[in-house]
């Protein structure tokens, strides 16, 4: 439970994190969408935050974020012709290869939204050929997207890549530009701590219900000697 853990690495030791099992937050809560029709609509706001969840490892030298998209389970119509559902908290299993000779901060959070900062056509280049890629196509993909947009200097994910963003004439590279998308703690727009969100949104009973919380099992090996140069 909670959103923050620290995996302690003793002095003169190192670990290799080679995978994890992650059971998402948001299980055990029933919701009903009353306006069930052919018209598309978003999942109710209070449940939508559970659909995108980020798990990250910070070693003091490197940052490794992993984003998971969580589906809903829908079954049966309600008396008002709506549809009932729950979040699918079936665990994800993922392989990693993270080496650290320091204690590792493990942070888990919910992501409510992503902000589109810029969209543009991708030019034809040797890296984005026509027909095989969006190079030369009339569609305009996101070329700058931001999580945690309320922060003073949020990380911007730029596409097709940090280097090509400027080479392709998509404008000046934004501040704190990144090739990788991730969210930072920001309870309004960015990474939302799951257990507090449960209490603030539904009440203390939901915060204390095991099914509503995430569970994380980290697979790692601990070696009680200095990190070999070949691995560092």
Protein backbone atom coordinates (compact mmCIF):
# COMPACT_ATOMS: atom_id res chain seq x y z
CA UNK A 1 0.00 0.00 0.00
CA UNK A 2 1.05 3.59 -0.37
CA UNK A 3 3.01 5.01 -3.26
CA UNK A 4 6.62 4.99 -2.06
CA UNK A 5 9.00 2.18 -1.13
CA UNK A 6 12.77 1.92 -0.81
CA UNK A 7 14.64 -1.27 -1.62
CA UNK A 8 17.68 -1.11 0.66
CA UNK A 9 21.07 -2.10 -0.73
CA UNK A 10 23.71 -2.61 1.99
CA UNK A 11 27.16 -1.05 1.76
CA UNK A 12 29.66 -2.88 -0.46
CA UNK A 13 26.82 -4.67 -2.26
CA UNK A 14 24.78 -4.34 -5.42
CA UNK A 15 21.50 -5.67 -6.76
CA UNK A 16 20.13 -6.63 -10.14
CA UNK A 17 16.37 -6.12 -10.48
CA UNK A 18 15.32 -8.57 -13.16
CA UNK A 19 11.55 -8.22 -13.07
CA UNK A 20 8.39 -7.49 -11.16
CA UNK A 21 4.74 -8.49 -10.73
CA UNK A 22 2.38 -5.54 -10.40
CA UNK A 23 -1.28 -5.80 -9.38
CA UNK A 24 -2.81 -2.39 -10.24
CA UNK A 25 -4.72 -0.14 -7.85
CA UNK A 26 -8.46 0.27 -8.27
CA UNK A 27 -9.70 -3.28 -7.89
CA UNK A 28 -12.72 -4.09 -5.75
CA UNK A 29 -14.70 -0.96 -6.66
CA UNK A 30 -17.93 -1.23 -8.64
CA UNK A 31 -19.05 1.58 -10.91
CA UNK A 32 -22.09 2.03 -13.13
CA UNK A 33 -22.24 4.06 -16.33
CA UNK A 34 -25.91 5.05 -16.61
CA UNK A 35 -25.68 6.68 -20.02
CA UNK A 36 -24.84 3.56 -21.99
CA UNK A 37 -25.49 4.20 -25.66
CA UNK A 38 -23.83 4.12 -29.05
CA UNK A 39 -22.26 7.51 -28.33
CA UNK A 40 -18.66 7.30 -27.07
CA UNK A 41 -17.99 8.61 -23.57
CA UNK A 42 -15.13 8.57 -21.11
CA UNK A 43 -15.13 6.38 -18.04
CA UNK A 44 -16.30 8.45 -15.04
CA UNK A 45 -13.56 10.81 -13.89
CA UNK A 46 -13.00 9.20 -10.48
CA UNK A 47 -12.24 5.84 -12.12
CA UNK A 48 -10.32 7.13 -15.12
CA UNK A 49 -7.25 7.80 -12.97
CA UNK A 50 -6.86 4.03 -12.42
CA UNK A 51 -6.58 3.33 -16.16
CA UNK A 52 -2.98 4.57 -16.46
CA UNK A 53 -0.48 3.72 -13.72
CA UNK A 54 3.24 4.35 -13.53
CA UNK A 55 5.86 2.37 -11.65
CA UNK A 56 9.40 3.77 -11.50
CA UNK A 57 12.79 2.82 -10.08
CA UNK A 58 15.33 5.52 -9.15
CA UNK A 59 18.81 4.23 -8.37
CA UNK A 60 20.48 7.58 -7.64
CA UNK A 61 22.23 7.25 -11.00
CA UNK A 62 19.39 6.29 -13.36
CA UNK A 63 15.60 6.62 -13.58
CA UNK A 64 13.51 3.75 -14.99
CA UNK A 65 9.77 4.48 -15.44
CA UNK A 66 7.25 1.89 -16.64
CA UNK A 67 3.68 2.84 -17.60
CA UNK A 68 0.84 0.30 -17.57
CA UNK A 69 -2.61 0.78 -19.07
CA UNK A 70 -5.35 -0.93 -17.04
CA UNK A 71 -8.57 -2.16 -18.62
CA UNK A 72 -12.05 -2.21 -17.11
CA UNK A 73 -14.21 -5.30 -16.72
CA UNK A 74 -17.76 -4.62 -17.87
CA UNK A 75 -20.70 -6.93 -17.25
CA UNK A 76 -24.47 -6.67 -17.28
CA UNK A 77 -26.78 -3.69 -17.59
CA UNK A 78 -28.11 -1.78 -14.61
CA UNK A 79 -31.79 -1.06 -13.96
CA UNK A 80 -31.38 2.29 -15.73
CA UNK A 81 -30.04 0.55 -18.85
CA UNK A 82 -26.46 1.49 -17.97
CA UNK A 83 -23.55 -0.92 -17.67
CA UNK A 84 -21.66 -2.01 -14.54
CA UNK A 85 -17.93 -2.52 -14.31
CA UNK A 86 -14.77 -2.80 -12.22
CA UNK A 87 -11.12 -2.13 -12.93
CA UNK A 88 -9.15 -5.21 -14.00
CA UNK A 89 -6.41 -5.63 -11.41
CA UNK A 90 -4.95 -8.81 -12.90
CA UNK A 91 -1.19 -8.55 -12.24
CA UNK A 92 1.28 -7.47 -14.93
CA UNK A 93 4.56 -9.39 -15.12
CA UNK A 94 7.52 -7.57 -16.65
CA UNK A 95 11.21 -8.35 -17.12
CA UNK A 96 13.79 -5.67 -16.36
CA UNK A 97 17.55 -5.33 -16.05
CA UNK A 98 18.33 -2.64 -13.48
CA UNK A 99 21.68 -2.61 -11.68
CA UNK A 100 22.29 -0.53 -8.57
CA UNK A 101 24.88 -0.32 -5.81
CA UNK A 102 22.66 2.14 -3.91
CA UNK A 103 19.24 1.80 -2.32
CA UNK A 104 16.49 2.06 -4.94
CA UNK A 105 13.45 4.35 -4.62
CA UNK A 106 10.33 2.68 -6.00
CA UNK A 107 7.46 5.08 -6.74
CA UNK A 108 3.94 4.15 -7.87
CA UNK A 109 1.25 6.56 -9.03
CA UNK A 110 -1.88 7.08 -11.11
CA UNK A 111 -1.95 9.28 -14.21
CA UNK A 112 -5.16 11.16 -15.00
CA UNK A 113 -4.30 13.04 -18.18
CA UNK A 114 -1.69 13.94 -20.80
CA UNK A 115 -1.48 17.45 -22.22
CA UNK A 116 -0.95 17.98 -25.95
CA UNK A 117 1.49 20.86 -26.39
CA UNK A 118 2.12 20.57 -30.13
CA UNK A 119 1.05 18.53 -33.16
CA UNK A 120 2.67 18.66 -36.59
CA UNK A 121 3.18 16.77 -39.83
CA UNK A 122 6.32 14.63 -39.99
CA UNK A 123 8.56 15.38 -42.99
CA UNK A 124 10.02 12.75 -45.30
CA UNK A 125 13.59 11.90 -44.27
CA UNK A 126 15.87 8.89 -44.43
CA UNK A 127 14.57 7.92 -40.97
CA UNK A 128 10.89 8.59 -41.73
CA UNK A 129 10.30 7.34 -45.30
CA UNK A 130 6.90 7.81 -46.95
CA UNK A 131 4.25 5.06 -46.79
CA UNK A 132 6.17 3.03 -44.19
CA UNK A 133 6.07 5.77 -41.54
CA UNK A 134 4.13 9.03 -41.01
CA UNK A 135 6.80 10.86 -42.98
CA UNK A 136 5.02 12.87 -45.69
CA UNK A 137 1.58 11.86 -44.45
CA UNK A 138 -1.13 14.51 -44.00
CA UNK A 139 -1.87 13.38 -40.44
CA UNK A 140 -0.39 15.41 -37.56
CA UNK A 141 0.85 13.25 -34.68
CA UNK A 142 1.69 14.64 -31.25
CA UNK A 143 5.22 16.01 -31.44
CA UNK A 144 5.26 17.32 -27.85
CA UNK A 145 3.26 15.83 -24.98
CA UNK A 146 3.45 16.58 -21.27
CA UNK A 147 2.44 14.86 -18.04
CA UNK A 148 2.60 16.81 -14.77
CA UNK A 149 1.83 20.03 -16.60
CA UNK A 150 1.31 22.11 -13.43
CA UNK A 151 4.96 21.81 -12.42
CA UNK A 152 7.35 24.70 -13.09
CA UNK A 153 9.47 22.73 -15.57
CA UNK A 154 7.71 19.47 -16.44
CA UNK A 155 9.40 16.88 -18.66
CA UNK A 156 8.16 17.14 -22.27
CA UNK A 157 8.16 14.04 -24.40
CA UNK A 158 9.12 15.11 -27.92
CA UNK A 159 8.70 13.05 -31.07
CA UNK A 160 9.97 11.55 -33.33
CA UNK A 161 13.02 11.98 -31.04
CA UNK A 162 14.86 14.70 -29.17
CA UNK A 163 17.37 15.14 -32.01
CA UNK A 164 14.90 14.92 -34.89
CA UNK A 165 12.42 17.35 -33.30
CA UNK A 166 14.64 20.28 -34.25
CA UNK A 167 16.18 18.69 -37.35
CA UNK A 168 12.71 18.20 -38.84
CA UNK A 169 11.79 21.87 -38.39
CA UNK A 170 9.23 21.23 -35.64
CA UNK A 171 10.38 24.28 -33.67
CA UNK A 172 12.83 24.97 -30.89
CA UNK A 173 13.41 22.10 -28.48
CA UNK A 174 11.26 22.77 -25.38
CA UNK A 175 12.83 23.03 -21.95
CA UNK A 176 13.41 19.75 -20.13
CA UNK A 177 12.71 17.77 -23.30
CA UNK A 178 12.89 13.98 -23.08
CA UNK A 179 12.68 11.06 -25.51
CA UNK A 180 10.80 9.06 -22.88
CA UNK A 181 7.33 9.78 -21.49
CA UNK A 182 6.82 9.74 -17.73
CA UNK A 183 4.95 11.63 -15.03
CA UNK A 184 6.29 13.34 -11.90
CA UNK A 185 4.40 13.68 -8.59
CA UNK A 186 1.67 16.28 -9.07
CA UNK A 187 -1.72 15.48 -7.54
CA UNK A 188 -3.55 17.89 -9.88
CA UNK A 189 -2.20 16.88 -13.27
CA UNK A 190 0.65 14.40 -12.88
CA UNK A 191 1.49 11.38 -10.75
CA UNK A 192 -1.18 10.83 -8.08
CA UNK A 193 -0.41 8.80 -4.94
CA UNK A 194 -2.86 5.84 -5.01
CA UNK A 195 -3.73 5.34 -1.34
CA UNK A 196 -4.49 9.01 -0.68
CA UNK A 197 -6.50 9.14 -3.91
CA UNK A 198 -8.63 6.26 -2.66
CA UNK A 199 -9.44 8.06 0.59
CA UNK A 200 -9.95 11.49 -0.99
CA UNK A 201 -12.23 10.11 -3.72
CA UNK A 202 -14.15 7.29 -2.02
CA UNK A 203 -13.37 7.35 1.72
CA UNK A 204 -11.13 5.71 4.33
CA UNK A 205 -12.87 2.32 3.94
CA UNK A 206 -11.59 2.10 0.36
CA UNK A 207 -8.07 3.13 1.41
CA UNK A 208 -8.05 0.27 3.89
CA UNK A 209 -9.54 -2.32 1.51
CA UNK A 210 -6.78 -4.59 0.23
CA UNK A 211 -8.49 -5.15 -3.14
CA UNK A 212 -8.45 -1.40 -3.88
CA UNK A 213 -4.70 -1.01 -3.38
CA UNK A 214 -1.86 -1.96 -5.68
CA UNK A 215 0.57 -4.74 -4.82
CA UNK A 216 4.11 -4.95 -6.12
CA UNK A 217 6.49 -7.90 -5.98
CA UNK A 218 10.04 -7.07 -7.12
CA UNK A 219 12.36 -9.85 -8.31
CA UNK A 220 16.02 -9.12 -7.64
CA UNK A 221 19.33 -10.70 -6.73
CA UNK A 222 21.59 -9.23 -4.03
CA UNK A 223 25.36 -9.60 -4.35
CA UNK A 224 27.53 -8.84 -1.33
CA UNK A 225 30.54 -7.48 -3.15
CA UNK A 226 31.45 -4.45 -5.28
CA UNK A 227 29.80 -4.03 -8.68
CA UNK A 228 31.91 -5.70 -11.40
CA UNK A 229 33.13 -3.20 -14.01
CA UNK A 230 31.58 -5.32 -16.76
CA UNK A 231 28.11 -4.72 -15.26
CA UNK A 232 28.44 -1.10 -14.13
